[in-house]
N, C-alpha and C. Protein backbone atom coordinates (compact mmCIF):
# COMPACT_ATOMS: atom_id res chain seq x y z
N UNK A 1 20.60 79.64 126.42
CA UNK A 1 19.74 79.58 126.77
C UNK A 1 17.81 78.44 126.72
N UNK A 2 17.82 78.42 127.16
CA UNK A 2 16.64 77.36 126.18
C UNK A 2 15.05 78.56 126.35
N UNK A 3 14.34 78.03 125.39
CA UNK A 3 12.95 78.50 125.09
C UNK A 3 11.80 77.33 125.72
N UNK A 4 10.70 78.06 125.82
CA UNK A 4 9.80 76.73 126.16
C UNK A 4 8.98 77.20 124.76
N UNK A 5 8.14 75.60 124.32
CA UNK A 5 7.79 75.62 123.12
C UNK A 5 6.28 76.50 122.89
N UNK A 6 6.44 77.05 122.11
CA UNK A 6 5.30 77.78 122.34
C UNK A 6 4.13 77.52 122.46
N UNK A 7 2.57 78.44 122.93
CA UNK A 7 1.62 77.56 123.10
C UNK A 7 0.71 77.80 121.87
N UNK A 8 1.00 78.78 121.68
CA UNK A 8 0.05 79.54 120.04
C UNK A 8 1.41 79.35 118.98
N UNK A 9 1.52 80.59 118.87
CA UNK A 9 2.44 81.44 117.47
C UNK A 9 3.57 82.20 117.97
N UNK A 10 5.24 81.69 118.16
CA UNK A 10 5.94 82.77 118.54
C UNK A 10 6.69 83.46 117.41
N UNK A 11 6.63 84.74 117.25
CA UNK A 11 7.40 85.67 116.44
C UNK A 11 8.47 86.56 117.02
N UNK A 12 9.19 86.06 116.40
CA UNK A 12 10.64 86.85 116.18
C UNK A 12 11.08 87.98 115.08
N UNK A 13 11.75 88.60 115.43
CA UNK A 13 12.29 89.44 113.96
C UNK A 13 13.58 89.91 114.49
N UNK A 14 14.95 90.53 113.67
CA UNK A 14 16.07 90.99 113.77
C UNK A 14 16.00 91.55 112.69
N UNK A 15 16.79 93.38 113.47
CA UNK A 15 17.50 93.83 112.15
C UNK A 15 18.88 93.38 112.07
N UNK A 16 19.06 92.96 110.28
CA UNK A 16 20.36 92.66 109.82
C UNK A 16 21.54 92.99 110.29
N UNK A 17 21.75 94.75 110.37
CA UNK A 17 22.93 95.36 110.32
C UNK A 17 22.98 95.19 111.72
N UNK A 18 22.01 95.25 112.57
CA UNK A 18 22.47 94.90 114.28
C UNK A 18 22.78 93.47 114.75
N UNK A 19 22.99 92.89 114.00
CA UNK A 19 22.99 91.09 114.33
C UNK A 19 24.12 91.09 114.08
N UNK A 20 25.05 91.80 113.04
CA UNK A 20 25.95 92.19 112.35
C UNK A 20 27.57 91.55 113.93
N UNK A 21 27.38 92.08 114.71
CA UNK A 21 28.17 91.25 115.90
C UNK A 21 27.81 89.90 116.25
N UNK A 22 27.37 88.94 115.76
CA UNK A 22 27.00 87.77 115.94
C UNK A 22 27.51 87.01 114.54
N UNK A 23 28.10 87.76 113.64
CA UNK A 23 28.26 87.35 112.55
C UNK A 23 29.41 86.11 112.73
N UNK A 24 30.25 85.61 112.93
CA UNK A 24 31.04 84.41 113.76
C UNK A 24 30.05 83.59 114.12
N UNK A 25 29.31 83.86 115.14
CA UNK A 25 28.58 82.81 115.82
C UNK A 25 28.02 82.27 114.53
N UNK A 26 26.89 83.23 113.78
CA UNK A 26 26.34 82.70 112.74
C UNK A 26 26.63 81.63 111.97
N UNK A 27 28.29 81.79 111.41
CA UNK A 27 28.91 81.25 110.48
C UNK A 27 28.93 79.79 111.39
N UNK A 28 29.61 79.96 112.28
CA UNK A 28 29.95 78.31 113.22
C UNK A 28 28.44 77.72 113.03
N UNK A 29 27.66 77.65 112.97
CA UNK A 29 26.11 77.13 113.26
C UNK A 29 25.65 76.58 111.98
N UNK A 30 26.04 77.27 110.70
CA UNK A 30 25.94 76.65 109.61
C UNK A 30 26.26 75.49 109.15
N UNK A 31 25.38 74.67 108.54
CA UNK A 31 25.91 73.90 107.92
C UNK A 31 26.83 74.24 106.40
N UNK A 32 27.30 72.91 105.73
CA UNK A 32 28.37 73.45 104.59
C UNK A 32 27.37 73.48 103.65
N UNK A 33 26.45 72.83 103.19
CA UNK A 33 25.54 73.43 102.04
C UNK A 33 25.02 74.88 102.33
N UNK A 34 24.70 75.40 103.81
CA UNK A 34 24.20 76.27 103.90
C UNK A 34 25.11 77.62 103.67
N UNK A 35 26.91 77.39 103.86
CA UNK A 35 27.69 78.41 103.27
C UNK A 35 28.01 78.29 101.93
N UNK A 36 27.58 77.20 101.55
CA UNK A 36 28.17 77.54 99.81
C UNK A 36 27.21 78.24 99.53
N UNK A 37 25.65 77.99 99.91
CA UNK A 37 24.61 79.00 99.13
C UNK A 37 25.33 80.54 99.36
N UNK A 38 25.29 80.47 100.38
CA UNK A 38 25.52 81.65 101.39
C UNK A 38 26.56 82.77 100.15
N UNK A 39 27.89 81.57 100.08
CA UNK A 39 28.49 82.29 98.90
C UNK A 39 28.02 82.65 97.82
N UNK A 40 27.23 82.09 97.44
CA UNK A 40 26.64 82.37 95.79
C UNK A 40 25.98 83.13 95.63
N UNK A 41 25.77 83.88 96.60
CA UNK A 41 25.43 85.79 96.52
C UNK A 41 26.07 86.20 95.82
N UNK A 42 25.33 87.59 94.88
CA UNK A 42 26.72 88.11 94.04
C UNK A 42 27.26 89.67 95.07
N UNK A 43 26.04 89.86 95.73
CA UNK A 43 26.15 91.01 96.50
C UNK A 43 25.89 90.88 97.93
N UNK A 44 27.10 91.53 98.46
CA UNK A 44 27.64 91.25 100.23
C UNK A 44 26.20 91.50 100.93
N UNK A 45 25.10 92.50 100.49
CA UNK A 45 23.91 92.69 101.00
C UNK A 45 22.90 91.31 101.86
N UNK A 46 22.94 91.00 100.04
CA UNK A 46 21.94 89.60 100.46
C UNK A 46 22.60 88.25 100.85
N UNK A 47 23.92 88.45 100.71
CA UNK A 47 25.25 87.18 101.32
C UNK A 47 24.79 87.51 103.07
N UNK A 48 24.63 88.76 103.32
CA UNK A 48 24.63 89.14 104.66
C UNK A 48 23.37 88.69 105.30
N UNK A 49 22.06 89.13 104.75
CA UNK A 49 20.57 88.69 105.15
C UNK A 49 20.69 87.28 104.72
N UNK A 50 21.11 86.46 104.23
CA UNK A 50 21.07 84.97 104.18
C UNK A 50 21.34 84.48 105.47
N UNK A 51 22.98 84.74 105.69
CA UNK A 51 23.71 84.75 107.29
C UNK A 51 22.64 84.95 108.32
N UNK A 52 22.29 85.79 108.77
CA UNK A 52 21.80 86.31 109.62
C UNK A 52 19.94 85.51 110.29
N UNK A 53 19.35 85.56 108.92
CA UNK A 53 18.48 84.52 108.77
C UNK A 53 18.63 83.17 108.84
N UNK A 54 19.71 82.45 108.97
CA UNK A 54 19.81 80.97 108.82
C UNK A 54 20.36 80.72 109.97
N UNK A 55 21.40 81.69 110.47
CA UNK A 55 21.62 81.55 111.65
C UNK A 55 21.42 81.80 112.30
N UNK A 56 20.18 82.90 112.80
CA UNK A 56 19.20 82.77 113.70
C UNK A 56 18.32 82.04 114.00
N UNK A 57 17.89 81.53 112.84
CA UNK A 57 16.91 80.19 112.96
C UNK A 57 17.50 78.88 113.59
N UNK A 58 18.87 78.99 113.16
CA UNK A 58 19.24 77.43 113.95
C UNK A 58 19.45 77.50 115.15
N UNK A 59 19.95 79.24 115.68
CA UNK A 59 19.57 79.36 117.40
C UNK A 59 18.41 79.12 117.92
N UNK A 60 17.60 80.10 117.37
CA UNK A 60 16.35 80.04 118.25
C UNK A 60 15.80 78.42 117.88
N UNK A 61 15.84 77.54 117.26
CA UNK A 61 15.81 76.25 117.21
C UNK A 61 16.48 75.54 118.27
N UNK A 62 17.58 75.81 118.55
CA UNK A 62 18.31 75.07 119.25
C UNK A 62 17.78 75.87 121.03
N UNK A 63 17.53 77.09 120.95
CA UNK A 63 17.22 77.25 122.20
C UNK A 63 15.76 76.22 122.63
N UNK A 64 14.49 76.10 121.44
CA UNK A 64 13.78 75.67 122.06
C UNK A 64 13.96 73.81 122.35
N UNK A 65 14.78 73.44 121.55
CA UNK A 65 14.77 72.13 120.61
C UNK A 65 15.89 71.84 122.45
N UNK A 66 16.37 72.26 122.75
CA UNK A 66 18.06 72.21 123.27
C UNK A 66 19.41 71.09 122.93
N UNK A 67 19.25 71.13 121.32
CA UNK A 67 19.97 70.85 121.35
C UNK A 67 21.82 71.97 120.20
N UNK A 68 22.33 71.21 120.00
CA UNK A 68 23.40 72.54 119.56
C UNK A 68 22.77 72.84 118.09
N UNK A 69 22.78 74.02 117.82
CA UNK A 69 22.57 74.67 116.66
C UNK A 69 23.23 74.19 115.45
N UNK A 70 24.15 74.27 115.68
CA UNK A 70 25.32 72.85 114.48
C UNK A 70 24.59 72.04 113.81
N UNK A 71 24.28 71.36 114.79
CA UNK A 71 23.48 69.50 114.83
C UNK A 71 21.99 69.81 114.31
N UNK A 72 21.18 70.75 113.87
CA UNK A 72 20.16 70.50 113.29
C UNK A 72 19.84 70.67 112.11
N UNK A 73 19.49 69.53 111.37
CA UNK A 73 19.20 68.84 110.72
C UNK A 73 17.67 69.35 109.72
N UNK A 74 17.88 69.39 108.56
CA UNK A 74 16.52 70.02 107.44
C UNK A 74 16.30 69.11 106.56
N UNK A 75 15.05 68.90 106.37
CA UNK A 75 14.41 68.26 104.87
C UNK A 75 13.76 69.79 104.40
N UNK A 76 13.21 69.34 103.28
CA UNK A 76 12.42 69.94 102.50
C UNK A 76 11.22 68.78 101.75
N UNK A 77 10.04 69.44 101.83
CA UNK A 77 8.72 68.85 101.49
C UNK A 77 8.65 68.94 100.06
N UNK A 78 7.63 68.16 99.13
CA UNK A 78 7.68 68.31 97.58
C UNK A 78 7.23 69.94 97.40
N UNK A 79 7.09 70.70 97.74
CA UNK A 79 6.98 72.05 97.57
C UNK A 79 8.03 72.93 97.76
N UNK A 80 8.76 72.10 98.69
CA UNK A 80 10.17 73.18 98.81
C UNK A 80 10.39 73.38 100.26
N UNK A 81 9.07 73.47 101.10
CA UNK A 81 9.26 74.24 102.13
C UNK A 81 9.81 73.63 103.21
N UNK A 82 11.35 73.77 104.29
CA UNK A 82 12.06 73.28 105.05
C UNK A 82 11.29 72.80 106.25
N UNK A 83 11.56 71.65 107.28
CA UNK A 83 11.15 70.76 108.33
C UNK A 83 12.09 69.98 108.93
N UNK A 84 11.98 69.74 109.86
CA UNK A 84 12.83 69.80 111.01
C UNK A 84 12.99 68.08 110.84
N UNK A 85 14.30 67.43 110.88
CA UNK A 85 14.34 65.92 110.22
C UNK A 85 14.10 65.24 111.84
N UNK A 86 14.16 66.13 112.82
CA UNK A 86 14.21 65.50 113.88
C UNK A 86 13.00 64.74 114.70
N UNK A 87 12.29 64.66 114.10
CA UNK A 87 10.66 64.21 114.79
C UNK A 87 10.33 65.00 115.29
N UNK A 88 10.26 66.59 115.33
CA UNK A 88 9.79 67.29 116.02
C UNK A 88 8.32 67.73 115.85
N UNK A 89 7.89 68.19 116.84
CA UNK A 89 6.45 68.68 116.77
C UNK A 89 6.43 70.55 115.99
N UNK A 90 7.98 71.01 116.13
CA UNK A 90 7.90 72.25 116.15
C UNK A 90 7.77 72.94 114.47
N UNK A 91 6.89 73.62 114.39
CA UNK A 91 6.71 74.22 113.29
C UNK A 91 7.73 75.43 112.58
N UNK A 92 8.12 76.08 111.79
CA UNK A 92 8.97 77.50 111.62
C UNK A 92 8.73 77.39 110.37
N UNK A 93 9.09 78.84 110.10
CA UNK A 93 8.60 79.77 109.21
C UNK A 93 10.06 80.89 109.09
N UNK A 94 10.10 81.76 108.09
CA UNK A 94 11.25 83.03 108.01
C UNK A 94 11.11 83.75 106.80
N UNK A 95 11.06 85.02 106.98
CA UNK A 95 10.98 85.62 105.71
C UNK A 95 11.74 86.81 106.02
N UNK A 96 12.77 87.63 104.75
CA UNK A 96 13.35 88.82 104.55
C UNK A 96 13.28 89.48 104.23
N UNK A 97 13.44 90.89 104.31
CA UNK A 97 13.06 91.79 103.10
C UNK A 97 14.31 93.07 103.60
N UNK A 98 14.78 93.14 102.79
CA UNK A 98 15.34 94.78 103.24
C UNK A 98 16.33 94.35 104.40
N UNK A 99 15.67 95.84 105.18
CA UNK A 99 16.74 95.54 106.40
C UNK A 99 16.38 94.39 108.19
N UNK A 100 15.25 93.94 107.69
CA UNK A 100 14.52 92.88 108.95
C UNK A 100 14.36 91.47 108.37
N UNK A 101 14.31 90.35 109.41
CA UNK A 101 14.04 88.91 108.87
C UNK A 101 13.07 89.06 110.32
N UNK A 102 12.39 88.19 109.48
CA UNK A 102 10.89 87.54 110.65
C UNK A 102 11.18 86.22 111.03
N UNK A 103 10.60 85.57 111.93
CA UNK A 103 10.52 84.33 112.06
C UNK A 103 9.19 83.46 112.88
N UNK A 104 8.68 82.60 112.67
CA UNK A 104 7.25 82.06 113.11
C UNK A 104 7.70 81.11 113.67
N UNK A 105 6.99 80.52 114.88
CA UNK A 105 7.57 78.86 115.44
C UNK A 105 5.74 78.80 116.31
N UNK A 106 5.54 77.59 115.56
CA UNK A 106 4.22 76.87 116.70
C UNK A 106 4.46 75.63 116.31
N UNK A 107 4.04 74.55 117.67
CA UNK A 107 3.80 73.33 117.54
C UNK A 107 2.44 73.02 117.54
N UNK A 108 1.45 73.96 117.12
CA UNK A 108 -0.13 73.56 116.91
C UNK A 108 -0.71 73.28 115.35
N UNK A 109 0.42 73.52 114.55
CA UNK A 109 0.27 73.35 113.15
C UNK A 109 1.37 74.17 112.36
N UNK A 110 0.95 74.14 111.11
CA UNK A 110 1.91 74.85 109.82
C UNK A 110 1.53 75.87 110.06
N UNK A 111 2.77 77.24 110.21
CA UNK A 111 2.38 78.79 110.13
C UNK A 111 3.58 79.39 109.28
N UNK A 112 2.74 80.47 108.71
CA UNK A 112 3.97 80.63 107.72
C UNK A 112 4.22 82.40 107.75
N UNK A 113 5.27 83.07 107.37
CA UNK A 113 5.04 84.77 107.89
C UNK A 113 5.66 85.27 106.58
N UNK A 114 5.42 86.66 106.16
CA UNK A 114 6.26 87.11 105.28
C UNK A 114 6.59 88.68 105.56
N UNK A 115 7.63 88.87 105.36
CA UNK A 115 7.92 90.66 105.44
C UNK A 115 8.25 91.22 104.14
N UNK A 116 7.95 92.37 104.12
CA UNK A 116 8.42 93.38 102.64
C UNK A 116 8.53 94.86 102.87
N UNK A 117 9.89 95.07 102.49
CA UNK A 117 10.15 96.57 102.61
C UNK A 117 9.23 97.31 101.35
N UNK A 118 8.55 98.25 102.03
CA UNK A 118 7.87 98.85 101.32
C UNK A 118 8.59 99.84 100.33
N UNK A 119 8.27 99.86 98.98
CA UNK A 119 9.09 100.65 97.91
C UNK A 119 8.51 101.05 97.18
N UNK A 120 8.91 101.75 95.89
CA UNK A 120 7.98 102.24 94.85
C UNK A 120 7.77 100.71 94.09
N UNK A 121 6.99 100.46 93.84
CA UNK A 121 6.38 99.16 92.48
C UNK A 121 5.91 99.69 91.03
N UNK A 122 6.87 99.53 90.50
CA UNK A 122 6.83 99.95 88.91
C UNK A 122 5.25 100.54 88.47
N UNK A 123 4.60 98.81 88.24
CA UNK A 123 3.78 98.77 87.95
C UNK A 123 2.98 98.13 88.80
N UNK A 124 2.19 98.67 89.38
CA UNK A 124 1.46 98.02 90.59
C UNK A 124 0.38 97.44 90.02
N UNK A 125 -0.33 98.11 89.77
CA UNK A 125 -2.01 98.32 88.83
C UNK A 125 -1.43 96.64 87.93
N UNK A 126 -0.82 96.52 87.05
CA UNK A 126 0.09 95.34 86.11
C UNK A 126 -0.36 93.99 87.12
N UNK A 127 0.92 94.62 87.77
CA UNK A 127 1.56 93.11 88.43
C UNK A 127 0.27 92.50 89.98
N UNK A 128 -0.96 93.86 89.99
CA UNK A 128 -1.78 93.05 91.21
C UNK A 128 -2.57 92.57 90.34
N UNK A 129 -2.75 93.01 89.20
CA UNK A 129 -4.01 92.30 87.83
C UNK A 129 -3.78 91.17 87.65
N UNK A 130 -2.16 90.30 87.08
CA UNK A 130 -1.60 89.40 87.25
C UNK A 130 -1.95 88.42 88.53
N UNK A 131 -1.50 88.97 90.11
CA UNK A 131 -1.17 88.07 90.83
C UNK A 131 -2.51 87.71 91.83
N UNK A 132 -3.46 89.18 91.55
CA UNK A 132 -4.45 89.42 92.96
C UNK A 132 -5.33 88.78 92.17
N UNK A 133 -6.89 88.39 92.84
CA UNK A 133 -7.81 88.46 92.52
C UNK A 133 -8.51 89.66 92.40
N UNK A 134 -10.14 89.66 91.96
CA UNK A 134 -10.42 90.59 91.46
C UNK A 134 -10.89 91.69 92.18
N UNK A 135 -11.45 91.56 93.76
CA UNK A 135 -11.29 92.06 94.30
C UNK A 135 -10.29 92.53 94.92
N UNK A 136 -8.93 91.70 95.62
CA UNK A 136 -7.83 92.45 95.87
C UNK A 136 -7.52 93.78 95.04
N UNK A 137 -7.35 93.25 93.74
CA UNK A 137 -7.12 94.43 92.57
C UNK A 137 -7.89 95.57 92.93
N UNK A 138 -9.09 94.93 92.88
CA UNK A 138 -9.93 96.98 93.46
C UNK A 138 -9.50 97.21 94.03
N UNK A 139 -8.95 96.62 95.27
CA UNK A 139 -8.49 97.58 96.62
C UNK A 139 -6.99 98.43 96.58
N UNK A 140 -6.29 97.60 95.10
CA UNK A 140 -5.23 98.44 95.04
C UNK A 140 -5.50 99.83 93.95
N UNK A 141 -6.61 99.17 92.77
CA UNK A 141 -6.53 100.41 92.11
C UNK A 141 -7.53 101.44 92.77
N UNK A 142 -8.39 101.33 93.96
CA UNK A 142 -8.83 102.31 94.44
C UNK A 142 -7.99 103.12 95.85
N UNK A 143 -6.52 102.59 95.67
CA UNK A 143 -6.32 103.06 97.07
C UNK A 143 -6.16 104.34 96.72
N UNK A 144 -5.71 105.42 97.90
CA UNK A 144 -5.66 107.05 98.22
C UNK A 144 -4.60 107.23 97.37
N UNK A 145 -4.07 107.99 96.61
CA UNK A 145 -3.05 108.64 96.14
C UNK A 145 -1.74 108.73 97.41
N UNK A 146 -0.42 107.61 96.87
CA UNK A 146 -0.11 108.21 97.92
C UNK A 146 0.69 106.67 98.68
N UNK A 147 -0.73 105.65 98.41
CA UNK A 147 -1.08 104.95 99.50
C UNK A 147 -1.06 103.69 98.92
N UNK A 148 -1.21 103.81 97.46
CA UNK A 148 -0.64 102.44 96.51
C UNK A 148 0.11 101.52 96.68
N UNK A 149 1.01 101.95 97.00
CA UNK A 149 1.96 100.99 97.49
C UNK A 149 2.25 99.90 98.91
N UNK A 150 1.82 101.16 99.75
CA UNK A 150 1.38 100.09 101.02
C UNK A 150 0.21 99.06 100.83
N UNK A 151 -0.57 99.32 100.51
CA UNK A 151 -1.76 98.56 100.39
C UNK A 151 -1.57 97.28 99.04
N UNK A 152 -0.59 97.35 98.33
CA UNK A 152 -0.23 96.51 97.49
C UNK A 152 0.68 95.77 98.72
N UNK A 153 1.79 96.21 98.88
CA UNK A 153 2.35 94.70 99.68
C UNK A 153 1.48 94.76 100.89
N UNK A 154 0.32 95.66 101.52
CA UNK A 154 -0.16 94.97 102.46
C UNK A 154 -0.73 93.37 101.99
N UNK A 155 -1.41 93.58 100.84
CA UNK A 155 -2.23 92.29 100.40
C UNK A 155 -1.12 91.47 99.91
N UNK A 156 0.14 91.73 99.37
CA UNK A 156 1.20 90.80 98.90
C UNK A 156 1.88 89.60 100.61
N UNK A 157 1.87 90.23 101.69
CA UNK A 157 2.40 89.83 102.43
C UNK A 157 1.28 88.66 103.11
N UNK A 158 0.16 88.93 103.29
CA UNK A 158 -0.93 88.23 103.50
C UNK A 158 -1.01 86.84 102.34
N UNK A 159 -1.14 87.22 101.50
CA UNK A 159 -0.70 86.28 100.23
C UNK A 159 0.79 85.17 100.66
N UNK A 160 1.69 85.30 100.90
CA UNK A 160 2.77 84.86 100.47
C UNK A 160 2.93 84.26 101.75
N UNK A 161 2.65 84.94 103.24
CA UNK A 161 2.34 84.05 104.50
C UNK A 161 1.64 82.74 104.76
N UNK A 162 0.00 83.32 103.78
CA UNK A 162 -1.15 82.45 103.26
C UNK A 162 -0.35 80.79 102.81
N UNK A 163 0.25 81.37 101.80
CA UNK A 163 1.01 79.80 100.89
C UNK A 163 2.14 79.22 101.47
N UNK A 164 2.79 80.47 102.32
CA UNK A 164 4.02 79.63 102.92
C UNK A 164 3.65 78.67 104.08
N UNK A 165 2.45 78.66 104.81
CA UNK A 165 1.37 78.24 105.95
C UNK A 165 1.32 76.74 105.22
N UNK A 166 0.16 76.83 104.15
CA UNK A 166 -0.18 75.71 103.56
C UNK A 166 0.86 74.71 102.99
N UNK A 167 1.85 75.38 102.89
CA UNK A 167 3.26 74.24 102.25
C UNK A 167 3.07 74.06 100.45
N UNK A 168 1.93 74.85 99.95
CA UNK A 168 2.02 74.43 98.61
C UNK A 168 3.31 75.53 97.60
N UNK A 169 3.77 76.05 97.99
CA UNK A 169 4.55 77.07 97.24
C UNK A 169 3.98 77.74 95.88
N UNK A 170 4.75 77.57 94.61
CA UNK A 170 4.28 78.20 93.74
C UNK A 170 3.16 77.41 92.50
N UNK A 171 3.02 76.27 93.12
CA UNK A 171 1.59 75.39 93.15
C UNK A 171 0.23 76.00 93.31
N UNK A 172 0.15 77.08 93.90
CA UNK A 172 -0.76 77.37 93.83
C UNK A 172 -1.14 78.50 93.74
N UNK A 173 -1.54 79.00 92.27
CA UNK A 173 -1.39 80.68 92.02
C UNK A 173 -2.25 81.91 92.72
N UNK A 174 -1.44 82.52 92.90
CA UNK A 174 -1.59 83.78 93.98
C UNK A 174 -3.14 84.02 93.31
N UNK A 175 -3.48 84.32 92.26
CA UNK A 175 -4.79 85.08 92.06
C UNK A 175 -5.82 83.96 91.90
N UNK A 176 -5.53 82.84 92.63
CA UNK A 176 -7.07 81.43 92.64
C UNK A 176 -7.51 81.92 93.85
N UNK A 177 -6.92 83.11 94.77
CA UNK A 177 -7.83 82.87 96.15
C UNK A 177 -8.04 84.05 96.46
N UNK A 178 -8.18 84.64 97.69
CA UNK A 178 -8.87 86.32 97.83
C UNK A 178 -8.41 85.78 99.49
N UNK A 179 -7.69 86.81 100.20
CA UNK A 179 -8.03 86.71 101.63
C UNK A 179 -8.32 87.87 101.94
N UNK A 180 -9.38 87.41 103.27
CA UNK A 180 -9.89 89.56 104.14
C UNK A 180 -8.98 89.87 104.74
N UNK A 181 -9.68 91.08 104.80
CA UNK A 181 -9.01 92.21 105.49
C UNK A 181 -8.37 92.00 107.07
N UNK A 182 -7.05 91.94 106.86
CA UNK A 182 -6.50 91.46 108.77
C UNK A 182 -7.38 92.68 109.64
N UNK A 183 -7.39 91.35 110.89
CA UNK A 183 -7.35 90.19 110.90
C UNK A 183 -8.68 89.50 110.31
N UNK A 184 -8.29 87.92 110.25
CA UNK A 184 -9.53 87.31 109.64
C UNK A 184 -9.51 86.12 109.78
N UNK A 185 -10.43 85.14 108.63
CA UNK A 185 -10.40 83.89 108.79
C UNK A 185 -9.98 83.30 107.15
N UNK A 186 -9.66 82.19 106.39
CA UNK A 186 -9.97 81.64 105.31
C UNK A 186 -9.88 80.18 105.20
N UNK A 187 -10.97 79.98 104.65
CA UNK A 187 -11.25 78.49 104.44
C UNK A 187 -10.42 77.55 103.77
N UNK A 188 -9.62 76.63 103.56
CA UNK A 188 -9.21 75.58 102.73
C UNK A 188 -8.81 74.94 102.71
N UNK A 189 -9.55 73.67 101.78
CA UNK A 189 -9.31 72.71 102.11
C UNK A 189 -10.05 71.83 103.39
N UNK A 190 -10.99 72.70 103.89
CA UNK A 190 -11.38 71.92 104.95
C UNK A 190 -11.18 72.78 106.22
N UNK A 191 -9.97 73.46 106.34
CA UNK A 191 -8.90 74.00 107.71
C UNK A 191 -8.90 75.51 107.12
N UNK A 192 -9.64 75.82 108.59
CA UNK A 192 -9.59 77.33 108.85
C UNK A 192 -8.12 78.28 109.40
N UNK A 193 -7.98 78.68 108.56
CA UNK A 193 -6.80 79.75 108.59
C UNK A 193 -7.08 81.34 109.07
N UNK A 194 -5.92 82.07 109.81
CA UNK A 194 -5.90 82.94 110.11
C UNK A 194 -4.88 83.76 110.41
N UNK A 195 -5.58 84.91 109.00
CA UNK A 195 -4.35 86.06 108.55
C UNK A 195 -4.85 86.86 109.49
N UNK A 196 -3.28 87.27 109.97
CA UNK A 196 -2.77 88.30 110.70
C UNK A 196 -2.07 89.75 110.31
N UNK A 197 -2.23 90.40 109.94
CA UNK A 197 -1.08 91.71 109.94
C UNK A 197 -0.11 92.05 111.58
N UNK A 198 0.86 91.98 110.94
CA UNK A 198 1.92 92.23 112.28
C UNK A 198 2.62 93.71 112.45
N UNK A 199 2.90 94.34 113.51
CA UNK A 199 3.17 95.31 114.16
C UNK A 199 4.77 95.50 113.55
N UNK A 200 5.20 95.78 112.44
CA UNK A 200 6.44 96.66 112.23
C UNK A 200 6.57 97.49 112.18
N UNK A 201 8.42 97.99 112.23
CA UNK A 201 9.13 99.19 111.98
C UNK A 201 8.21 99.99 110.62
N UNK A 202 9.02 101.41 110.67
CA UNK A 202 8.02 102.11 109.64
C UNK A 202 9.02 101.58 108.20
N UNK A 203 8.03 102.18 107.12
CA UNK A 203 8.40 100.81 105.76
C UNK A 203 8.73 99.93 106.04
N UNK A 204 8.02 99.00 106.95
CA UNK A 204 8.08 97.50 106.55
C UNK A 204 6.68 97.30 107.14
N UNK A 205 6.13 96.34 105.93
CA UNK A 205 4.73 95.47 106.21
C UNK A 205 4.94 93.62 106.53
N UNK A 206 4.34 93.20 107.25
CA UNK A 206 4.93 92.34 107.41
C UNK A 206 3.37 91.11 107.67
N UNK A 207 2.89 89.75 107.58
CA UNK A 207 2.04 89.55 107.97
C UNK A 207 2.41 87.72 108.39
N UNK A 208 1.16 86.94 109.29
CA UNK A 208 1.63 85.66 109.49
C UNK A 208 -0.03 85.21 109.69
N UNK A 209 0.29 83.77 108.96
CA UNK A 209 -1.19 82.77 108.94
C UNK A 209 -0.61 81.47 109.48
N UNK A 210 -1.88 81.32 110.16
CA UNK A 210 -1.45 80.47 111.37
C UNK A 210 -2.78 79.49 111.34
N UNK A 211 -3.58 78.56 111.84
CA UNK A 211 -4.21 77.41 111.93
C UNK A 211 -4.77 78.27 113.67
N UNK A 212 -4.14 78.99 114.41
CA UNK A 212 -4.55 79.42 115.33
C UNK A 212 -4.72 81.23 115.19
N UNK A 213 -5.84 81.70 116.58
CA UNK A 213 -5.85 83.13 116.15
C UNK A 213 -5.51 83.50 116.84
N UNK A 214 -4.22 85.02 116.30
CA UNK A 214 -3.63 85.75 117.46
C UNK A 214 -4.22 86.71 117.61
N UNK A 215 -5.00 87.19 118.21
CA UNK A 215 -5.68 88.39 118.55
C UNK A 215 -4.46 89.84 118.74
N UNK A 216 -3.69 89.61 119.72
CA UNK A 216 -2.46 90.48 119.98
C UNK A 216 -1.43 90.05 119.72
N UNK A 217 -0.76 90.01 118.76
CA UNK A 217 0.83 89.23 118.50
C UNK A 217 1.91 90.16 119.05
N UNK A 218 2.49 89.65 119.55
CA UNK A 218 3.56 90.37 120.54
C UNK A 218 5.07 89.65 119.61
N UNK A 219 6.47 90.50 118.46
CA UNK A 219 6.97 90.12 118.27
C UNK A 219 8.49 90.00 119.15
N UNK A 220 9.43 89.10 119.41
CA UNK A 220 10.22 89.55 120.49
C UNK A 220 11.79 89.81 119.43
N UNK A 221 12.61 90.50 120.21
CA UNK A 221 13.50 90.66 119.74
C UNK A 221 14.80 89.53 119.57
N UNK A 222 15.19 88.79 118.43
CA UNK A 222 16.03 87.93 118.41
C UNK A 222 17.47 88.54 119.25
N UNK A 223 17.62 89.58 119.08
CA UNK A 223 19.27 90.06 119.85
C UNK A 223 19.46 90.03 121.07
N UNK A 224 17.79 90.23 121.64
CA UNK A 224 17.58 90.38 123.21
C UNK A 224 17.74 88.91 123.57
N UNK A 225 17.73 88.27 123.12
CA UNK A 225 17.49 86.99 123.11
C UNK A 225 19.24 85.96 122.63
N UNK A 226 19.78 86.49 121.63
CA UNK A 226 20.87 86.43 122.01
C UNK A 226 21.70 86.72 123.16
N UNK A 227 22.05 87.87 123.62
CA UNK A 227 22.31 89.28 124.23
C UNK A 227 22.11 88.85 125.64
N UNK A 228 21.29 87.74 126.02
CA UNK A 228 20.73 87.50 127.53
C UNK A 228 21.38 86.54 127.72
């Protein structure tokens, strides 16, 4: 089933466990390199998460581009961000954590997403001091009791989504910049970027970064598309 190219940013999510019914379909779409990469994971949940993430990515791209999923080829920038070899205007990004995989697609410019399963962080203050700006560290330090992990991951997802959007990878230290409370904008190298928290199921946090505002982001279900 074909998909219309997004006017702004298309967001999709999929439950790893529920997507297991399409496992054979996913395997048929992956390249040899992707299959080898999946096999290198030591633990089955990590292997399954990779299979679902990259299989769904190919099937969604197939819908947007109108080409077989297995024919899609990728390259990587010098900082490791994947992009389409087909000279397509479509930008994409994915993230996975715990039970969920999140995808973003845009023809308006680069986009980045991050999703994190909220879990206890043994030394959240120490990690925040190392990787967050002083303002962000203070947000974590002063978070209400029982809310510190949520605060930590809320900031983390915003920063990761932003770094993925600008395509600089680990060359940009997370501590070197501050992001606004969502939703909001940040100026980077002459470009304005929109940072937006995303609605996700309980115990999961996510954010998107793009050059276009998303005032009411909607996330579509990949399984509804595949089953349609």
